[in-house]
Amino acid sequence: MAAPSSRETIGVRALVGDAYRLLFTRWRAWIIAMTLPALLDVLVRVAFQQAYRPPLFSPRSLTETTDLHFLLHSLALMLTSVITSTLFAVTWHRVSLIGPSARAYLMPQVGPEHLRFAGASLLLIAITVAIFRLGGLIVQSGGTGGLIVLLGLVICATLYLRWSLVFPAAAIGAPCSFAQSWRLTKGAGLTLFWSLLLGVIPIIIGALAAGGVLREILSIAGMPRLWTQLLVEALMSYLLLAIVIGIISAAYRRLAPGTVSREGDAHGT
């Protein structure tokens, strides 16, 4: 698939603007789409943290990574995250690309799009783990730790940005391989990077400002502290995810216009 001539229209302002405009105009769909995934996230994390006190990523949990039981629970946590993010992401990509006819459901029906999306996500996770595992072996052999980590981050970021169009294509059932995504994003990697960076900054600032207030409100309402913390984190996570998906969908619409009609209907759906 050759890169279309319209790719020169891609710009940071346009991508970020499209992502926020989508969130502001389809906020009801966002609430519906994130409700089930957010609740599943919270339930699984509550169960996990109840089983492993103090909370995950504390010094104690870091020293227990060789424990088979802990590793199995960690794997379950990761797989749950892939499942919940896939449920939301497929819906939000479709809302962005298909338009008003795309609806969000509290109980989405899982289809081939979800399986393809989750498969691509797991592949990227596996590649990331392999890259940093290789980096760890290099460090053990005498390499410079900081430089190796930085190189690994650059490699992973490049792969994520250049392969990102696979995900909106999967969500609408359009063909797009990793190789095609790499070709389509040629010369657009930095634009995607700055769009994602600048796009999430307002959400992060807003989360820092409003997160404490929301926690206090939920605590006053009688919600347990752990549930309050995880629920606020889930809400902020799905706000961030909505912006990231909105930016990637906006880039896909511009870089691969042949897969989405002017009316917003995906070809082949």
C-alpha atoms as a PDB file:
ATOM      1  CA  MET A   1       0.000   0.000   0.000  1.00  0.00           C
ATOM      2  CA  ALA A   2       1.551   3.287  -1.071  1.00  0.00           C
ATOM      3  CA  ALA A   3       1.437   6.278   1.215  1.00  0.00           C
ATOM      4  CA  PRO A   4      -1.336   8.594   0.033  1.00  0.00           C
ATOM      5  CA  SER A   5      -0.626  12.114  -1.131  1.00  0.00           C
ATOM      6  CA  SER A   6      -2.894  13.532   1.584  1.00  0.00           C
ATOM      7  CA  ARG A   7      -0.375  12.644   4.278  1.00  0.00           C
ATOM      8  CA  GLU A   8       1.141  16.124   4.070  1.00  0.00           C
ATOM      9  CA  THR A   9      -2.010  17.491   5.731  1.00  0.00           C
ATOM     10  CA  ILE A  10      -1.143  15.756   9.014  1.00  0.00           C
ATOM     11  CA  GLY A  11      -0.297  18.222  11.779  1.00  0.00           C
ATOM     12  CA  VAL A  12      -0.079  18.344  15.557  1.00  0.00           C
ATOM     13  CA  ARG A  13      -2.833  20.925  15.971  1.00  0.00           C
ATOM     14  CA  ALA A  14      -5.223  19.035  13.719  1.00  0.00           C
ATOM     15  CA  LEU A  15      -4.645  15.661  15.399  1.00  0.00           C
ATOM     16  CA  VAL A  16      -4.926  16.966  18.965  1.00  0.00           C
ATOM     17  CA  GLY A  17      -7.920  19.119  18.031  1.00  0.00           C
ATOM     18  CA  ASP A  18      -9.739  16.157  16.507  1.00  0.00           C
ATOM     19  CA  ALA A  19      -9.103  14.032  19.613  1.00  0.00           C
ATOM     20  CA  TYR A  20     -10.489  16.621  22.038  1.00  0.00           C
ATOM     21  CA  ARG A  21     -13.371  17.533  19.760  1.00  0.00           C
ATOM     22  CA  LEU A  22     -14.379  13.875  19.652  1.00  0.00           C
ATOM     23  CA  LEU A  23     -14.280  13.597  23.437  1.00  0.00           C
ATOM     24  CA  PHE A  24     -16.318  16.778  23.949  1.00  0.00           C
ATOM     25  CA  THR A  25     -18.968  15.910  21.360  1.00  0.00           C
ATOM     26  CA  ARG A  26     -19.295  12.195  22.146  1.00  0.00           C
ATOM     27  CA  TRP A  27     -18.807  12.294  25.939  1.00  0.00           C
ATOM     28  CA  ARG A  28     -21.902  10.174  26.522  1.00  0.00           C
ATOM     29  CA  ALA A  29     -20.440   7.467  24.303  1.00  0.00           C
ATOM     30  CA  TRP A  30     -17.171   7.737  26.255  1.00  0.00           C
ATOM     31  CA  ILE A  31     -18.973   7.168  29.559  1.00  0.00           C
ATOM     32  CA  ILE A  32     -20.799   4.142  28.189  1.00  0.00           C
ATOM     33  CA  ALA A  33     -17.714   2.682  26.512  1.00  0.00           C
ATOM     34  CA  MET A  34     -15.473   3.001  29.560  1.00  0.00           C
ATOM     35  CA  THR A  35     -17.923   1.848  32.246  1.00  0.00           C
ATOM     36  CA  LEU A  36     -17.484  -1.935  31.947  1.00  0.00           C
ATOM     37  CA  PRO A  37     -13.710  -1.872  31.265  1.00  0.00           C
ATOM     38  CA  ALA A  38     -13.087   0.534  34.163  1.00  0.00           C
ATOM     39  CA  LEU A  39     -15.146  -1.561  36.584  1.00  0.00           C
ATOM     40  CA  LEU A  40     -13.342  -4.739  35.526  1.00  0.00           C
ATOM     41  CA  ASP A  41      -9.996  -2.989  35.983  1.00  0.00           C
ATOM     42  CA  VAL A  42     -10.934  -1.867  39.470  1.00  0.00           C
ATOM     43  CA  LEU A  43     -12.303  -5.254  40.536  1.00  0.00           C
ATOM     44  CA  VAL A  44      -9.238  -7.159  39.369  1.00  0.00           C
ATOM     45  CA  ARG A  45      -6.813  -4.672  40.915  1.00  0.00           C
ATOM     46  CA  VAL A  46      -8.702  -4.705  44.216  1.00  0.00           C
ATOM     47  CA  ALA A  47      -8.536  -8.507  44.282  1.00  0.00           C
ATOM     48  CA  PHE A  48      -4.841  -8.415  43.385  1.00  0.00           C
ATOM     49  CA  GLN A  49      -3.907  -5.840  46.007  1.00  0.00           C
ATOM     50  CA  GLN A  50      -5.938  -7.620  48.669  1.00  0.00           C
ATOM     51  CA  ALA A  51      -3.917 -10.736  47.914  1.00  0.00           C
ATOM     52  CA  TYR A  52      -0.594  -8.876  47.906  1.00  0.00           C
ATOM     53  CA  ARG A  53      -0.247  -6.248  50.621  1.00  0.00           C
ATOM     54  CA  PRO A  54       1.256  -3.693  50.497  1.00  0.00           C
ATOM     55  CA  PRO A  55       0.091  -2.535  47.028  1.00  0.00           C
ATOM     56  CA  LEU A  56       1.703  -3.568  43.764  1.00  0.00           C
ATOM     57  CA  PHE A  57       5.116  -2.053  42.956  1.00  0.00           C
ATOM     58  CA  SER A  58       5.981  -1.617  46.640  1.00  0.00           C
ATOM     59  CA  PRO A  59       9.466  -2.778  47.786  1.00  0.00           C
ATOM     60  CA  ARG A  60       7.988  -6.017  49.116  1.00  0.00           C
ATOM     61  CA  SER A  61       6.237  -6.917  45.865  1.00  0.00           C
ATOM     62  CA  LEU A  62       9.366  -6.148  43.857  1.00  0.00           C
ATOM     63  CA  THR A  63      11.311  -8.683  45.886  1.00  0.00           C
ATOM     64  CA  GLU A  64       8.705 -11.367  45.278  1.00  0.00           C
ATOM     65  CA  THR A  65       8.846 -11.430  41.497  1.00  0.00           C
ATOM     66  CA  THR A  66      10.352 -14.916  41.547  1.00  0.00           C
ATOM     67  CA  ASP A  67       7.327 -16.307  43.329  1.00  0.00           C
ATOM     68  CA  LEU A  68       5.309 -18.373  40.835  1.00  0.00           C
ATOM     69  CA  HIS A  69       2.013 -17.415  42.452  1.00  0.00           C
ATOM     70  CA  PHE A  70       2.856 -13.745  42.219  1.00  0.00           C
ATOM     71  CA  LEU A  71       3.938 -14.071  38.583  1.00  0.00           C
ATOM     72  CA  LEU A  72       0.710 -15.848  37.663  1.00  0.00           C
ATOM     73  CA  HIS A  73      -1.344 -13.121  39.297  1.00  0.00           C
ATOM     74  CA  SER A  74       0.756 -10.474  37.537  1.00  0.00           C
ATOM     75  CA  LEU A  75       0.128 -12.207  34.211  1.00  0.00           C
ATOM     76  CA  ALA A  76      -3.601 -12.267  34.948  1.00  0.00           C
ATOM     77  CA  LEU A  77      -3.453  -8.546  35.743  1.00  0.00           C
ATOM     78  CA  MET A  78      -1.700  -7.822  32.444  1.00  0.00           C
ATOM     79  CA  LEU A  79      -4.136  -9.928  30.418  1.00  0.00           C
ATOM     80  CA  THR A  80      -7.077  -8.217  32.109  1.00  0.00           C
ATOM     81  CA  SER A  81      -5.590  -4.862  31.173  1.00  0.00           C
ATOM     82  CA  VAL A  82      -5.284  -5.970  27.525  1.00  0.00           C
ATOM     83  CA  ILE A  83      -8.891  -7.193  27.504  1.00  0.00           C
ATOM     84  CA  THR A  84     -10.363  -4.071  29.101  1.00  0.00           C
ATOM     85  CA  SER A  85      -8.324  -1.650  27.012  1.00  0.00           C
ATOM     86  CA  THR A  86      -9.302  -3.573  23.874  1.00  0.00           C
ATOM     87  CA  LEU A  87     -13.015  -3.356  24.725  1.00  0.00           C
ATOM     88  CA  PHE A  88     -12.756   0.398  25.105  1.00  0.00           C
ATOM     89  CA  ALA A  89     -10.272   1.078  22.309  1.00  0.00           C
ATOM     90  CA  VAL A  90     -12.180  -0.757  19.589  1.00  0.00           C
ATOM     91  CA  THR A  91     -15.343   1.145  20.464  1.00  0.00           C
ATOM     92  CA  TRP A  92     -13.609   4.525  20.602  1.00  0.00           C
ATOM     93  CA  HIS A  93     -11.749   3.978  17.332  1.00  0.00           C
ATOM     94  CA  ARG A  94     -15.066   3.126  15.689  1.00  0.00           C
ATOM     95  CA  VAL A  95     -16.758   6.170  17.197  1.00  0.00           C
ATOM     96  CA  SER A  96     -13.955   8.294  15.775  1.00  0.00           C
ATOM     97  CA  LEU A  97     -13.721   6.730  12.326  1.00  0.00           C
ATOM     98  CA  ILE A  98     -17.250   5.586  11.504  1.00  0.00           C
ATOM     99  CA  GLY A  99     -18.965   8.634  12.947  1.00  0.00           C
ATOM    100  CA  PRO A 100     -22.444   9.190  14.426  1.00  0.00           C
ATOM    101  CA  SER A 101     -23.669   5.762  13.318  1.00  0.00           C
ATOM    102  CA  ALA A 102     -21.108   4.101  15.618  1.00  0.00           C
ATOM    103  CA  ARG A 103     -22.625   3.404  19.017  1.00  0.00           C
ATOM    104  CA  ALA A 104     -21.151   2.493  22.369  1.00  0.00           C
ATOM    105  CA  TYR A 105     -22.644  -0.309  24.472  1.00  0.00           C
ATOM    106  CA  LEU A 106     -22.392  -1.133  28.143  1.00  0.00           C
ATOM    107  CA  MET A 107     -21.994  -4.780  27.129  1.00  0.00           C
ATOM    108  CA  PRO A 108     -20.106  -4.748  23.806  1.00  0.00           C
ATOM    109  CA  GLN A 109     -20.330  -7.788  21.577  1.00  0.00           C
ATOM    110  CA  VAL A 110     -16.852  -9.223  21.073  1.00  0.00           C
ATOM    111  CA  GLY A 111     -15.987  -9.877  17.441  1.00  0.00           C
ATOM    112  CA  PRO A 112     -13.021 -10.477  15.122  1.00  0.00           C
ATOM    113  CA  GLU A 113     -12.016  -6.826  15.468  1.00  0.00           C
ATOM    114  CA  HIS A 114     -11.421  -7.282  19.190  1.00  0.00           C
ATOM    115  CA  LEU A 115      -9.401 -10.461  18.688  1.00  0.00           C
ATOM    116  CA  ARG A 116      -7.241  -8.819  16.028  1.00  0.00           C
ATOM    117  CA  PHE A 117      -6.739  -5.724  18.185  1.00  0.00           C
ATOM    118  CA  ALA A 118      -5.835  -7.756  21.278  1.00  0.00           C
ATOM    119  CA  GLY A 119      -3.460  -9.919  19.244  1.00  0.00           C
ATOM    120  CA  ALA A 120      -1.593  -6.861  17.972  1.00  0.00           C
ATOM    121  CA  SER A 121      -1.420  -5.502  21.525  1.00  0.00           C
ATOM    122  CA  LEU A 122       0.008  -8.744  22.889  1.00  0.00           C
ATOM    123  CA  LEU A 123       2.571  -8.849  20.084  1.00  0.00           C
ATOM    124  CA  LEU A 124       3.789  -5.345  20.949  1.00  0.00           C
ATOM    125  CA  ILE A 125       3.963  -6.270  24.633  1.00  0.00           C
ATOM    126  CA  ALA A 126       5.990  -9.381  23.792  1.00  0.00           C
ATOM    127  CA  ILE A 127       8.376  -7.347  21.615  1.00  0.00           C
ATOM    128  CA  THR A 128       8.786  -4.776  24.398  1.00  0.00           C
ATOM    129  CA  VAL A 129       9.572  -7.464  26.952  1.00  0.00           C
ATOM    130  CA  ALA A 130      12.063  -9.073  24.548  1.00  0.00           C
ATOM    131  CA  ILE A 131      13.816  -5.743  23.889  1.00  0.00           C
ATOM    132  CA  PHE A 132      14.258  -4.944  27.567  1.00  0.00           C
ATOM    133  CA  ARG A 133      15.193  -8.526  28.369  1.00  0.00           C
ATOM    134  CA  LEU A 134      17.925  -8.283  25.745  1.00  0.00           C
ATOM    135  CA  GLY A 135      18.955  -4.951  27.234  1.00  0.00           C
ATOM    136  CA  GLY A 136      19.207  -6.576  30.650  1.00  0.00           C
ATOM    137  CA  LEU A 137      21.504  -9.261  29.267  1.00  0.00           C
ATOM    138  CA  ILE A 138      23.684  -6.593  27.648  1.00  0.00           C
ATOM    139  CA  VAL A 139      23.928  -4.707  30.943  1.00  0.00           C
ATOM    140  CA  GLN A 140      24.907  -7.915  32.749  1.00  0.00           C
ATOM    141  CA  SER A 141      27.653  -8.344  30.155  1.00  0.00           C
ATOM    142  CA  GLY A 142      29.119  -4.949  31.036  1.00  0.00           C
ATOM    143  CA  GLY A 143      27.008  -2.496  29.054  1.00  0.00           C
ATOM    144  CA  THR A 144      26.040   0.949  30.332  1.00  0.00           C
ATOM    145  CA  GLY A 145      22.658   0.596  32.044  1.00  0.00           C
ATOM    146  CA  GLY A 146      21.316   4.104  31.458  1.00  0.00           C
ATOM    147  CA  LEU A 147      22.271   4.127  27.781  1.00  0.00           C
ATOM    148  CA  ILE A 148      20.764   0.682  27.194  1.00  0.00           C
ATOM    149  CA  VAL A 149      17.467   1.694  28.840  1.00  0.00           C
ATOM    150  CA  LEU A 150      17.322   4.892  26.785  1.00  0.00           C
ATOM    151  CA  LEU A 151      18.013   2.968  23.585  1.00  0.00           C
ATOM    152  CA  GLY A 152      15.307   0.455  24.467  1.00  0.00           C
ATOM    153  CA  LEU A 153      12.799   3.245  25.084  1.00  0.00           C
ATOM    154  CA  VAL A 154      13.636   4.874  21.742  1.00  0.00           C
ATOM    155  CA  ILE A 155      13.263   1.584  19.877  1.00  0.00           C
ATOM    156  CA  CYS A 156       9.931   0.767  21.555  1.00  0.00           C
ATOM    157  CA  ALA A 157       8.554   4.290  21.018  1.00  0.00           C
ATOM    158  CA  THR A 158       9.520   4.151  17.341  1.00  0.00           C
ATOM    159  CA  LEU A 159       7.816   0.791  16.874  1.00  0.00           C
ATOM    160  CA  TYR A 160       4.672   1.944  18.692  1.00  0.00           C
ATOM    161  CA  LEU A 161       4.403   5.132  16.613  1.00  0.00           C
ATOM    162  CA  ARG A 162       5.186   3.565  13.240  1.00  0.00           C
ATOM    163  CA  TRP A 163       2.921   0.545  13.833  1.00  0.00           C
ATOM    164  CA  SER A 164       0.106   2.518  15.467  1.00  0.00           C
ATOM    165  CA  LEU A 165      -2.163   2.508  12.395  1.00  0.00           C
ATOM    166  CA  VAL A 166      -2.646  -1.245  12.765  1.00  0.00           C
ATOM    167  CA  PHE A 167      -5.003  -0.584  15.687  1.00  0.00           C
ATOM    168  CA  PRO A 168      -7.620   1.735  14.132  1.00  0.00           C
ATOM    169  CA  ALA A 169      -7.595  -0.494  11.058  1.00  0.00           C
ATOM    170  CA  ALA A 170      -8.281  -3.534  13.228  1.00  0.00           C
ATOM    171  CA  ALA A 171     -11.109  -1.732  15.017  1.00  0.00           C
ATOM    172  CA  ILE A 172     -13.015  -1.040  11.796  1.00  0.00           C
ATOM    173  CA  GLY A 173     -12.107  -4.291  10.077  1.00  0.00           C
ATOM    174  CA  ALA A 174      -9.881  -2.675   7.450  1.00  0.00           C
ATOM    175  CA  PRO A 175      -6.718  -4.338   6.147  1.00  0.00           C
ATOM    176  CA  CYS A 176      -3.450  -2.895   7.463  1.00  0.00           C
ATOM    177  CA  SER A 177      -0.360  -4.915   8.292  1.00  0.00           C
ATOM    178  CA  PHE A 178       2.542  -3.753  10.427  1.00  0.00           C
ATOM    179  CA  ALA A 179       4.571  -3.260   7.242  1.00  0.00           C
ATOM    180  CA  GLN A 180       1.807  -1.130   5.691  1.00  0.00           C
ATOM    181  CA  SER A 181       1.530   0.957   8.849  1.00  0.00           C
ATOM    182  CA  TRP A 182       5.307   1.486   8.780  1.00  0.00           C
ATOM    183  CA  ARG A 183       5.117   2.761   5.192  1.00  0.00           C
ATOM    184  CA  LEU A 184       2.090   4.957   5.816  1.00  0.00           C
ATOM    185  CA  THR A 185       3.695   6.673   8.798  1.00  0.00           C
ATOM    186  CA  LYS A 186       6.962   7.401   7.007  1.00  0.00           C
ATOM    187  CA  GLY A 187       7.894  10.981   7.863  1.00  0.00           C
ATOM    188  CA  ALA A 188       5.001  11.271  10.348  1.00  0.00           C
ATOM    189  CA  GLY A 189       6.631   9.715  13.407  1.00  0.00           C
ATOM    190  CA  LEU A 190       7.655  12.993  15.055  1.00  0.00           C
ATOM    191  CA  THR A 191       4.242  14.543  14.363  1.00  0.00           C
ATOM    192  CA  LEU A 192       2.581  11.583  16.072  1.00  0.00           C
ATOM    193  CA  PHE A 193       5.018  11.802  18.980  1.00  0.00           C
ATOM    194  CA  TRP A 194       4.432  15.510  19.613  1.00  0.00           C
ATOM    195  CA  SER A 195       0.688  15.120  19.112  1.00  0.00           C
ATOM    196  CA  LEU A 196       0.495  12.374  21.733  1.00  0.00           C
ATOM    197  CA  LEU A 197       2.766  14.231  24.145  1.00  0.00           C
ATOM    198  CA  LEU A 198       0.942  17.558  23.875  1.00  0.00           C
ATOM    199  CA  GLY A 199      -2.432  15.833  23.768  1.00  0.00           C
ATOM    200  CA  VAL A 200      -2.088  14.086  27.118  1.00  0.00           C
ATOM    201  CA  ILE A 201      -0.535  17.001  29.043  1.00  0.00           C
ATOM    202  CA  PRO A 202      -3.894  18.780  29.682  1.00  0.00           C
ATOM    203  CA  ILE A 203      -5.418  15.522  30.940  1.00  0.00           C
ATOM    204  CA  ILE A 204      -2.477  14.921  33.276  1.00  0.00           C
ATOM    205  CA  ILE A 205      -2.664  18.468  34.629  1.00  0.00           C
ATOM    206  CA  GLY A 206      -6.419  18.157  35.059  1.00  0.00           C
ATOM    207  CA  ALA A 207      -5.999  14.815  36.806  1.00  0.00           C
ATOM    208  CA  LEU A 208      -3.525  16.299  39.269  1.00  0.00           C
ATOM    209  CA  ALA A 209      -5.865  19.204  39.938  1.00  0.00           C
ATOM    210  CA  ALA A 210      -9.162  17.327  40.130  1.00  0.00           C
ATOM    211  CA  GLY A 211      -8.046  13.899  41.294  1.00  0.00           C
ATOM    212  CA  GLY A 212      -7.652  14.908  44.929  1.00  0.00           C
ATOM    213  CA  VAL A 213     -11.020  16.639  44.978  1.00  0.00           C
ATOM    214  CA  LEU A 214     -12.730  13.606  43.453  1.00  0.00           C
ATOM    215  CA  ARG A 215     -11.069  11.312  45.992  1.00  0.00           C
ATOM    216  CA  GLU A 216     -12.343  13.484  48.838  1.00  0.00           C
ATOM    217  CA  ILE A 217     -15.878  13.461  47.430  1.00  0.00           C
ATOM    218  CA  LEU A 218     -15.881   9.672  47.082  1.00  0.00           C
ATOM    219  CA  SER A 219     -14.401   9.262  50.566  1.00  0.00           C
ATOM    220  CA  ILE A 220     -17.064  11.501  52.075  1.00  0.00           C
ATOM    221  CA  ALA A 221     -19.663   9.387  50.275  1.00  0.00           C
ATOM    222  CA  GLY A 222     -18.340   6.395  52.211  1.00  0.00           C
ATOM    223  CA  MET A 223     -16.333   4.610  49.524  1.00  0.00           C
ATOM    224  CA  PRO A 224     -13.349   2.640  50.893  1.00  0.00           C
ATOM    225  CA  ARG A 225      -9.968   4.280  50.336  1.00  0.00           C
ATOM    226  CA  LEU A 226      -8.611   1.545  48.064  1.00  0.00           C
ATOM    227  CA  TRP A 227     -11.703   1.585  45.863  1.00  0.00           C
ATOM    228  CA  THR A 228     -11.600   5.385  45.732  1.00  0.00           C
ATOM    229  CA  GLN A 229      -7.965   5.424  44.642  1.00  0.00           C
ATOM    230  CA  LEU A 230      -8.405   2.773  41.957  1.00  0.00           C
ATOM    231  CA  LEU A 231     -11.641   4.252  40.618  1.00  0.00           C
ATOM    232  CA  VAL A 232     -10.097   7.713  40.203  1.00  0.00           C
ATOM    233  CA  GLU A 233      -7.059   6.157  38.519  1.00  0.00           C
ATOM    234  CA  ALA A 234      -9.334   4.228  36.146  1.00  0.00           C
ATOM    235  CA  LEU A 235     -11.289   7.338  35.186  1.00  0.00           C
ATOM    236  CA  MET A 236      -8.119   9.278  34.446  1.00  0.00           C
ATOM    237  CA  SER A 237      -6.625   6.331  32.539  1.00  0.00           C
ATOM    238  CA  TYR A 238      -9.616   6.111  30.206  1.00  0.00           C
ATOM    239  CA  LEU A 239      -9.565   9.859  29.641  1.00  0.00           C
ATOM    240  CA  LEU A 240      -5.928   9.573  28.597  1.00  0.00           C
ATOM    241  CA  LEU A 241      -6.692   6.530  26.471  1.00  0.00           C
ATOM    242  CA  ALA A 242      -9.531   8.384  24.739  1.00  0.00           C
ATOM    243  CA  ILE A 243      -7.169  11.192  23.723  1.00  0.00           C
ATOM    244  CA  VAL A 244      -4.448   8.802  22.568  1.00  0.00           C
ATOM    245  CA  ILE A 245      -6.942   6.800  20.511  1.00  0.00           C
ATOM    246  CA  GLY A 246      -8.483   9.969  19.115  1.00  0.00           C
ATOM    247  CA  ILE A 247      -5.078  11.165  17.914  1.00  0.00           C
ATOM    248  CA  ILE A 248      -4.175   7.835  16.328  1.00  0.00           C
ATOM    249  CA  SER A 249      -7.593   7.606  14.648  1.00  0.00           C
ATOM    250  CA  ALA A 250      -7.218  11.154  13.305  1.00  0.00           C
ATOM    251  CA  ALA A 251      -3.803  10.228  11.899  1.00  0.00           C
ATOM    252  CA  TYR A 252      -5.211   7.046  10.355  1.00  0.00           C
ATOM    253  CA  ARG A 253      -8.032   9.002   8.708  1.00  0.00           C
ATOM    254  CA  ARG A 254      -5.475  11.275   7.054  1.00  0.00           C
ATOM    255  CA  LEU A 255      -2.738   8.778   6.244  1.00  0.00           C
ATOM    256  CA  ALA A 256      -4.985   5.955   5.031  1.00  0.00           C
ATOM    257  CA  PRO A 257      -8.068   7.775   3.656  1.00  0.00           C
ATOM    258  CA  GLY A 258      -8.927   4.950   1.260  1.00  0.00           C
ATOM    259  CA  THR A 259     -10.124   2.731   4.102  1.00  0.00           C
ATOM    260  CA  VAL A 260     -12.791   5.136   5.381  1.00  0.00           C
ATOM    261  CA  SER A 261     -15.441   6.660   3.136  1.00  0.00           C
ATOM    262  CA  ARG A 262     -16.451  10.325   3.249  1.00  0.00           C
ATOM    263  CA  GLU A 263     -19.560   9.347   5.151  1.00  0.00           C
ATOM    264  CA  GLY A 264     -17.339   7.690   7.756  1.00  0.00           C
ATOM    265  CA  ASP A 265     -18.294   4.099   6.959  1.00  0.00           C
ATOM    266  CA  ALA A 266     -15.413   1.670   7.078  1.00  0.00           C
ATOM    267  CA  HIS A 267     -14.818  -0.295   3.915  1.00  0.00           C
ATOM    268  CA  GLY A 268     -15.770  -3.890   4.355  1.00  0.00           C
ATOM    269  CA  THR A 269     -17.919  -3.368   7.474  1.00  0.00           C
END
